[in-house]
Amino acid sequence: MIWIKAFHIVFMVTWFAGLFYLPRLFVYHALCEDNLGHARFVVMERKLFIIMTVGAVLTTIFGVILISNYQTMPLWLQIKLGLVALLIAYHLLCFKIMKTFKQQENSHSHVFYRWFNEAPVLLLIGIVLLAVVKPY
């Protein structure tokens, strides 16, 4: 199981790298005013989204394998899974935002995306603390 846990962590890091960087691209994309720059951001965002989605799927697969070892699910793990559900919702929201940028229909400022970029940090802190400390 140690190998499963190791791969779970590796792909979680991959997923979070994308979750940290994609909203940062949204910040710069919101500031972009030329068509060539817009086209470049659309390509970068799409490629990054694919990589982070692969990370999300593999994180989930290895996580489900790890969960299958529990006969009863402890409270800390239930809370962690709730935070992971929020993370998946955030991931899907990133996809929706990416589509609005591609269609040149973004209505948010770069300041909005700077704040939006902070959500995965808070979720990461909660998820890691629960997984390591196991307080409940």
N, C-alpha and C. Protein backbone atom coordinates (compact mmCIF):
# COMPACT_ATOMS: atom_id res chain seq x y z
N MET A 1 0.81 -1.21 0.00
CA MET A 1 0.00 0.00 0.00
C MET A 1 0.85 1.27 0.00
N ILE A 2 2.09 1.15 0.40
CA ILE A 2 2.94 2.34 0.44
C ILE A 2 3.17 2.90 -0.97
N TRP A 3 3.23 2.01 -1.97
CA TRP A 3 3.38 2.44 -3.36
C TRP A 3 2.12 3.17 -3.84
N ILE A 4 0.98 2.67 -3.44
CA ILE A 4 -0.29 3.31 -3.81
C ILE A 4 -0.35 4.71 -3.20
N LYS A 5 0.04 4.81 -1.94
CA LYS A 5 0.05 6.12 -1.27
C LYS A 5 1.04 7.07 -1.94
N ALA A 6 2.20 6.55 -2.33
CA ALA A 6 3.21 7.38 -3.00
C ALA A 6 2.67 7.92 -4.32
N PHE A 7 2.04 7.06 -5.11
CA PHE A 7 1.49 7.52 -6.39
C PHE A 7 0.31 8.47 -6.18
N HIS A 8 -0.47 8.24 -5.14
CA HIS A 8 -1.56 9.15 -4.80
C HIS A 8 -0.99 10.55 -4.55
N ILE A 9 0.09 10.63 -3.82
CA ILE A 9 0.72 11.92 -3.50
C ILE A 9 1.34 12.55 -4.75
N VAL A 10 2.01 11.75 -5.57
CA VAL A 10 2.64 12.27 -6.80
C VAL A 10 1.60 12.91 -7.71
N PHE A 11 0.49 12.21 -7.92
CA PHE A 11 -0.53 12.76 -8.82
C PHE A 11 -1.32 13.89 -8.18
N MET A 12 -1.41 13.89 -6.85
CA MET A 12 -2.04 15.02 -6.15
C MET A 12 -1.19 16.28 -6.35
N VAL A 13 0.13 16.12 -6.31
CA VAL A 13 1.02 17.27 -6.54
C VAL A 13 0.85 17.77 -7.98
N THR A 14 0.73 16.86 -8.92
CA THR A 14 0.51 17.23 -10.33
C THR A 14 -0.79 18.02 -10.47
N TRP A 15 -1.84 17.50 -9.84
CA TRP A 15 -3.15 18.15 -9.91
C TRP A 15 -3.09 19.55 -9.31
N PHE A 16 -2.48 19.67 -8.14
CA PHE A 16 -2.41 20.97 -7.49
C PHE A 16 -1.52 21.95 -8.25
N ALA A 17 -0.48 21.47 -8.89
CA ALA A 17 0.34 22.37 -9.71
C ALA A 17 -0.53 23.05 -10.75
N GLY A 18 -1.41 22.27 -11.38
CA GLY A 18 -2.33 22.84 -12.36
C GLY A 18 -3.35 23.76 -11.73
N LEU A 19 -3.87 23.36 -10.56
CA LEU A 19 -4.86 24.19 -9.87
C LEU A 19 -4.28 25.51 -9.40
N PHE A 20 -2.98 25.53 -9.14
CA PHE A 20 -2.34 26.79 -8.75
C PHE A 20 -2.03 27.65 -9.97
N TYR A 21 -1.63 27.01 -11.08
CA TYR A 21 -1.15 27.78 -12.23
C TYR A 21 -2.27 28.22 -13.18
N LEU A 22 -3.30 27.39 -13.38
CA LEU A 22 -4.36 27.75 -14.32
C LEU A 22 -5.05 29.06 -13.93
N PRO A 23 -5.45 29.24 -12.67
CA PRO A 23 -6.05 30.53 -12.31
C PRO A 23 -5.08 31.70 -12.45
N ARG A 24 -3.79 31.44 -12.32
CA ARG A 24 -2.80 32.50 -12.54
C ARG A 24 -2.79 32.87 -14.02
N LEU A 25 -2.94 31.88 -14.90
CA LEU A 25 -3.07 32.19 -16.32
C LEU A 25 -4.33 33.02 -16.58
N PHE A 26 -5.41 32.73 -15.83
CA PHE A 26 -6.63 33.53 -15.96
C PHE A 26 -6.37 35.00 -15.61
N VAL A 27 -5.54 35.24 -14.61
CA VAL A 27 -5.18 36.62 -14.23
C VAL A 27 -4.57 37.33 -15.43
N TYR A 28 -3.57 36.69 -16.04
CA TYR A 28 -2.88 37.31 -17.17
C TYR A 28 -3.78 37.38 -18.41
N HIS A 29 -4.62 36.37 -18.59
CA HIS A 29 -5.53 36.36 -19.73
C HIS A 29 -6.53 37.51 -19.61
N ALA A 30 -7.00 37.77 -18.40
CA ALA A 30 -7.95 38.88 -18.19
C ALA A 30 -7.31 40.22 -18.51
N LEU A 31 -6.00 40.31 -18.39
CA LEU A 31 -5.28 41.55 -18.71
C LEU A 31 -4.93 41.67 -20.19
N CYS A 32 -5.01 40.56 -20.91
CA CYS A 32 -4.59 40.50 -22.31
C CYS A 32 -5.57 41.29 -23.19
N GLU A 33 -5.01 42.06 -24.12
CA GLU A 33 -5.85 42.89 -24.97
C GLU A 33 -5.66 42.64 -26.47
N ASP A 34 -4.78 41.71 -26.83
CA ASP A 34 -4.56 41.47 -28.27
C ASP A 34 -4.96 40.04 -28.65
N ASN A 35 -5.33 39.85 -29.90
CA ASN A 35 -5.82 38.56 -30.37
C ASN A 35 -4.75 37.47 -30.34
N LEU A 36 -3.52 37.81 -30.66
CA LEU A 36 -2.45 36.82 -30.63
C LEU A 36 -2.22 36.33 -29.20
N GLY A 37 -2.21 37.25 -28.25
CA GLY A 37 -2.06 36.87 -26.85
C GLY A 37 -3.22 36.03 -26.38
N HIS A 38 -4.42 36.41 -26.78
CA HIS A 38 -5.62 35.64 -26.42
C HIS A 38 -5.50 34.20 -26.93
N ALA A 39 -5.12 34.06 -28.19
CA ALA A 39 -4.99 32.71 -28.78
C ALA A 39 -3.93 31.90 -28.04
N ARG A 40 -2.83 32.54 -27.66
CA ARG A 40 -1.76 31.85 -26.93
C ARG A 40 -2.26 31.37 -25.56
N PHE A 41 -3.01 32.22 -24.85
CA PHE A 41 -3.55 31.82 -23.55
C PHE A 41 -4.55 30.67 -23.68
N VAL A 42 -5.37 30.70 -24.70
CA VAL A 42 -6.35 29.61 -24.90
C VAL A 42 -5.63 28.27 -25.04
N VAL A 43 -4.55 28.24 -25.81
CA VAL A 43 -3.78 27.00 -26.00
C VAL A 43 -3.12 26.58 -24.68
N MET A 44 -2.48 27.51 -24.00
CA MET A 44 -1.81 27.20 -22.74
C MET A 44 -2.79 26.66 -21.70
N GLU A 45 -3.94 27.30 -21.59
CA GLU A 45 -4.95 26.89 -20.61
C GLU A 45 -5.47 25.50 -20.93
N ARG A 46 -5.74 25.23 -22.20
CA ARG A 46 -6.26 23.91 -22.60
C ARG A 46 -5.25 22.81 -22.29
N LYS A 47 -4.00 23.02 -22.65
CA LYS A 47 -2.98 21.99 -22.41
C LYS A 47 -2.77 21.76 -20.91
N LEU A 48 -2.73 22.83 -20.14
CA LEU A 48 -2.57 22.69 -18.69
C LEU A 48 -3.78 21.98 -18.09
N PHE A 49 -4.97 22.30 -18.57
CA PHE A 49 -6.17 21.65 -18.04
C PHE A 49 -6.14 20.15 -18.29
N ILE A 50 -5.65 19.73 -19.44
CA ILE A 50 -5.55 18.30 -19.73
C ILE A 50 -4.60 17.63 -18.74
N ILE A 51 -3.45 18.23 -18.51
CA ILE A 51 -2.46 17.66 -17.59
C ILE A 51 -3.03 17.58 -16.18
N MET A 52 -3.67 18.65 -15.72
CA MET A 52 -4.19 18.64 -14.35
C MET A 52 -5.37 17.70 -14.21
N THR A 53 -6.13 17.48 -15.28
CA THR A 53 -7.23 16.53 -15.23
C THR A 53 -6.71 15.11 -15.12
N VAL A 54 -5.64 14.80 -15.84
CA VAL A 54 -5.00 13.49 -15.69
C VAL A 54 -4.54 13.31 -14.25
N GLY A 55 -3.93 14.34 -13.68
CA GLY A 55 -3.52 14.29 -12.28
C GLY A 55 -4.69 14.07 -11.35
N ALA A 56 -5.81 14.74 -11.61
CA ALA A 56 -7.01 14.59 -10.77
C ALA A 56 -7.56 13.17 -10.85
N VAL A 57 -7.64 12.64 -12.06
CA VAL A 57 -8.20 11.29 -12.24
C VAL A 57 -7.31 10.25 -11.55
N LEU A 58 -6.01 10.35 -11.74
CA LEU A 58 -5.11 9.37 -11.12
C LEU A 58 -5.05 9.54 -9.60
N THR A 59 -5.13 10.77 -9.12
CA THR A 59 -5.22 11.00 -7.67
C THR A 59 -6.45 10.30 -7.12
N THR A 60 -7.56 10.44 -7.82
CA THR A 60 -8.83 9.84 -7.39
C THR A 60 -8.74 8.32 -7.41
N ILE A 61 -8.19 7.76 -8.46
CA ILE A 61 -8.07 6.29 -8.55
C ILE A 61 -7.24 5.74 -7.40
N PHE A 62 -6.07 6.33 -7.17
CA PHE A 62 -5.22 5.84 -6.08
C PHE A 62 -5.85 6.12 -4.72
N GLY A 63 -6.58 7.22 -4.61
CA GLY A 63 -7.28 7.52 -3.36
C GLY A 63 -8.37 6.51 -3.06
N VAL A 64 -9.12 6.11 -4.08
CA VAL A 64 -10.17 5.11 -3.89
C VAL A 64 -9.57 3.78 -3.45
N ILE A 65 -8.44 3.43 -4.02
CA ILE A 65 -7.76 2.20 -3.60
C ILE A 65 -7.37 2.30 -2.13
N LEU A 66 -6.84 3.44 -1.72
CA LEU A 66 -6.46 3.63 -0.31
C LEU A 66 -7.68 3.56 0.60
N ILE A 67 -8.78 4.17 0.18
CA ILE A 67 -10.00 4.17 1.00
C ILE A 67 -10.55 2.76 1.17
N SER A 68 -10.36 1.93 0.16
CA SER A 68 -10.92 0.57 0.21
C SER A 68 -10.33 -0.25 1.36
N ASN A 69 -9.24 0.20 1.95
CA ASN A 69 -8.63 -0.51 3.08
C ASN A 69 -9.35 -0.26 4.41
N TYR A 70 -10.18 0.77 4.45
CA TYR A 70 -10.89 1.10 5.69
C TYR A 70 -12.19 0.29 5.76
N GLN A 71 -12.41 -0.36 6.92
CA GLN A 71 -13.68 -1.04 7.12
C GLN A 71 -14.78 -0.04 7.47
N THR A 72 -14.42 0.94 8.29
CA THR A 72 -15.31 2.07 8.56
C THR A 72 -14.51 3.34 8.29
N MET A 73 -15.17 4.32 7.72
CA MET A 73 -14.47 5.54 7.34
C MET A 73 -14.42 6.51 8.52
N PRO A 74 -13.20 6.84 8.99
CA PRO A 74 -13.07 7.78 10.12
C PRO A 74 -13.56 9.18 9.74
N LEU A 75 -13.91 9.95 10.75
CA LEU A 75 -14.44 11.29 10.54
C LEU A 75 -13.47 12.19 9.78
N TRP A 76 -12.17 12.11 10.10
CA TRP A 76 -11.19 12.96 9.42
C TRP A 76 -11.21 12.69 7.92
N LEU A 77 -11.39 11.42 7.54
CA LEU A 77 -11.40 11.06 6.13
C LEU A 77 -12.70 11.54 5.46
N GLN A 78 -13.79 11.50 6.17
CA GLN A 78 -15.05 12.01 5.64
C GLN A 78 -14.94 13.51 5.36
N ILE A 79 -14.33 14.23 6.30
CA ILE A 79 -14.15 15.68 6.12
C ILE A 79 -13.20 15.94 4.95
N LYS A 80 -12.11 15.17 4.89
CA LYS A 80 -11.15 15.30 3.79
C LYS A 80 -11.85 15.09 2.46
N LEU A 81 -12.68 14.08 2.36
CA LEU A 81 -13.39 13.81 1.11
C LEU A 81 -14.36 14.94 0.76
N GLY A 82 -14.92 15.58 1.77
CA GLY A 82 -15.75 16.76 1.52
C GLY A 82 -14.94 17.88 0.90
N LEU A 83 -13.73 18.08 1.42
CA LEU A 83 -12.84 19.11 0.85
C LEU A 83 -12.42 18.73 -0.57
N VAL A 84 -12.18 17.44 -0.79
CA VAL A 84 -11.83 16.98 -2.14
C VAL A 84 -13.00 17.22 -3.10
N ALA A 85 -14.23 17.03 -2.62
CA ALA A 85 -15.40 17.32 -3.46
C ALA A 85 -15.43 18.80 -3.85
N LEU A 86 -15.09 19.68 -2.90
CA LEU A 86 -15.01 21.12 -3.21
C LEU A 86 -13.91 21.38 -4.24
N LEU A 87 -12.81 20.64 -4.11
CA LEU A 87 -11.70 20.78 -5.05
C LEU A 87 -12.12 20.36 -6.46
N ILE A 88 -12.88 19.29 -6.55
CA ILE A 88 -13.38 18.84 -7.86
C ILE A 88 -14.33 19.89 -8.44
N ALA A 89 -15.17 20.47 -7.60
CA ALA A 89 -16.06 21.54 -8.07
C ALA A 89 -15.24 22.73 -8.58
N TYR A 90 -14.17 23.07 -7.88
CA TYR A 90 -13.28 24.16 -8.30
C TYR A 90 -12.65 23.83 -9.65
N HIS A 91 -12.22 22.58 -9.81
CA HIS A 91 -11.62 22.10 -11.05
C HIS A 91 -12.62 22.29 -12.21
N LEU A 92 -13.86 21.89 -11.98
CA LEU A 92 -14.89 22.02 -13.01
C LEU A 92 -15.21 23.48 -13.30
N LEU A 93 -15.18 24.32 -12.27
CA LEU A 93 -15.38 25.75 -12.46
C LEU A 93 -14.26 26.35 -13.32
N CYS A 94 -13.04 25.86 -13.11
CA CYS A 94 -11.92 26.30 -13.95
C CYS A 94 -12.19 25.97 -15.42
N PHE A 95 -12.77 24.80 -15.66
CA PHE A 95 -13.11 24.42 -17.04
C PHE A 95 -14.13 25.39 -17.63
N LYS A 96 -15.14 25.72 -16.84
CA LYS A 96 -16.17 26.66 -17.29
C LYS A 96 -15.56 28.03 -17.60
N ILE A 97 -14.69 28.50 -16.73
CA ILE A 97 -14.03 29.79 -16.93
C ILE A 97 -13.17 29.74 -18.19
N MET A 98 -12.48 28.63 -18.37
CA MET A 98 -11.63 28.46 -19.55
C MET A 98 -12.46 28.60 -20.83
N LYS A 99 -13.65 28.03 -20.82
CA LYS A 99 -14.54 28.13 -21.98
C LYS A 99 -14.98 29.57 -22.23
N THR A 100 -15.24 30.32 -21.15
CA THR A 100 -15.65 31.72 -21.34
C THR A 100 -14.51 32.54 -21.93
N PHE A 101 -13.29 32.25 -21.51
CA PHE A 101 -12.14 32.95 -22.11
C PHE A 101 -12.00 32.59 -23.58
N LYS A 102 -12.14 31.31 -23.89
CA LYS A 102 -12.00 30.86 -25.28
C LYS A 102 -13.02 31.55 -26.18
N GLN A 103 -14.23 31.73 -25.68
CA GLN A 103 -15.29 32.38 -26.45
C GLN A 103 -15.24 33.91 -26.33
N GLN A 104 -14.22 34.39 -25.66
CA GLN A 104 -14.03 35.83 -25.42
C GLN A 104 -15.24 36.45 -24.74
N GLU A 105 -15.75 35.74 -23.73
CA GLU A 105 -16.90 36.22 -22.98
C GLU A 105 -16.59 36.41 -21.50
N ASN A 106 -15.33 36.53 -21.16
CA ASN A 106 -14.96 36.73 -19.76
C ASN A 106 -15.52 38.05 -19.25
N SER A 107 -16.12 38.02 -18.07
CA SER A 107 -16.68 39.24 -17.49
C SER A 107 -16.02 39.63 -16.17
N HIS A 108 -14.97 38.92 -15.79
CA HIS A 108 -14.30 39.20 -14.51
C HIS A 108 -12.96 39.90 -14.75
N SER A 109 -12.55 40.67 -13.76
CA SER A 109 -11.27 41.38 -13.84
C SER A 109 -10.14 40.47 -13.35
N HIS A 110 -8.93 40.94 -13.59
CA HIS A 110 -7.76 40.21 -13.11
C HIS A 110 -7.75 40.14 -11.58
N VAL A 111 -8.34 41.11 -10.92
CA VAL A 111 -8.40 41.10 -9.45
C VAL A 111 -9.27 39.94 -8.97
N PHE A 112 -10.39 39.71 -9.63
CA PHE A 112 -11.24 38.57 -9.28
C PHE A 112 -10.44 37.27 -9.35
N TYR A 113 -9.67 37.10 -10.43
CA TYR A 113 -8.91 35.86 -10.59
C TYR A 113 -7.75 35.76 -9.60
N ARG A 114 -7.23 36.88 -9.15
CA ARG A 114 -6.20 36.84 -8.10
C ARG A 114 -6.79 36.25 -6.81
N TRP A 115 -8.02 36.63 -6.48
CA TRP A 115 -8.68 36.06 -5.31
C TRP A 115 -9.10 34.62 -5.57
N PHE A 116 -9.61 34.34 -6.74
CA PHE A 116 -10.03 33.00 -7.13
C PHE A 116 -8.86 32.02 -7.01
N ASN A 117 -7.67 32.50 -7.28
CA ASN A 117 -6.46 31.70 -7.25
C ASN A 117 -6.11 31.20 -5.84
N GLU A 118 -6.69 31.80 -4.81
CA GLU A 118 -6.35 31.43 -3.44
C GLU A 118 -7.12 30.22 -2.92
N ALA A 119 -8.24 29.89 -3.51
CA ALA A 119 -9.10 28.80 -3.01
C ALA A 119 -8.37 27.45 -2.91
N PRO A 120 -7.60 27.03 -3.93
CA PRO A 120 -6.94 25.73 -3.80
C PRO A 120 -5.90 25.69 -2.68
N VAL A 121 -5.34 26.84 -2.35
CA VAL A 121 -4.37 26.89 -1.25
C VAL A 121 -5.06 26.52 0.07
N LEU A 122 -6.22 27.10 0.29
CA LEU A 122 -6.97 26.81 1.52
C LEU A 122 -7.40 25.34 1.58
N LEU A 123 -7.85 24.83 0.44
CA LEU A 123 -8.26 23.42 0.40
C LEU A 123 -7.07 22.50 0.62
N LEU A 124 -5.92 22.83 0.03
CA LEU A 124 -4.72 22.02 0.22
C LEU A 124 -4.33 21.96 1.70
N ILE A 125 -4.36 23.09 2.37
CA ILE A 125 -4.00 23.13 3.79
C ILE A 125 -4.93 22.21 4.59
N GLY A 126 -6.22 22.33 4.36
CA GLY A 126 -7.17 21.47 5.07
C GLY A 126 -6.98 20.00 4.77
N ILE A 127 -6.80 19.66 3.51
CA ILE A 127 -6.65 18.27 3.10
C ILE A 127 -5.39 17.65 3.70
N VAL A 128 -4.29 18.36 3.59
CA VAL A 128 -3.01 17.82 4.11
C VAL A 128 -3.05 17.70 5.64
N LEU A 129 -3.57 18.72 6.32
CA LEU A 129 -3.64 18.64 7.78
C LEU A 129 -4.49 17.46 8.23
N LEU A 130 -5.63 17.25 7.58
CA LEU A 130 -6.47 16.12 7.94
C LEU A 130 -5.79 14.79 7.68
N ALA A 131 -5.10 14.68 6.55
CA ALA A 131 -4.45 13.42 6.18
C ALA A 131 -3.26 13.10 7.08
N VAL A 132 -2.55 14.11 7.53
CA VAL A 132 -1.36 13.87 8.35
C VAL A 132 -1.70 13.78 9.83
N VAL A 133 -2.48 14.73 10.34
CA VAL A 133 -2.79 14.79 11.78
C VAL A 133 -3.88 13.81 12.17
N LYS A 134 -4.83 13.56 11.28
CA LYS A 134 -5.96 12.65 11.56
C LYS A 134 -6.61 12.97 12.91
N PRO A 135 -7.14 14.19 13.05
CA PRO A 135 -7.60 14.64 14.37
C PRO A 135 -8.86 13.96 14.91
N TYR A 136 -9.62 13.28 14.08
CA TYR A 136 -10.89 12.70 14.55
C TYR A 136 -10.88 11.20 14.37
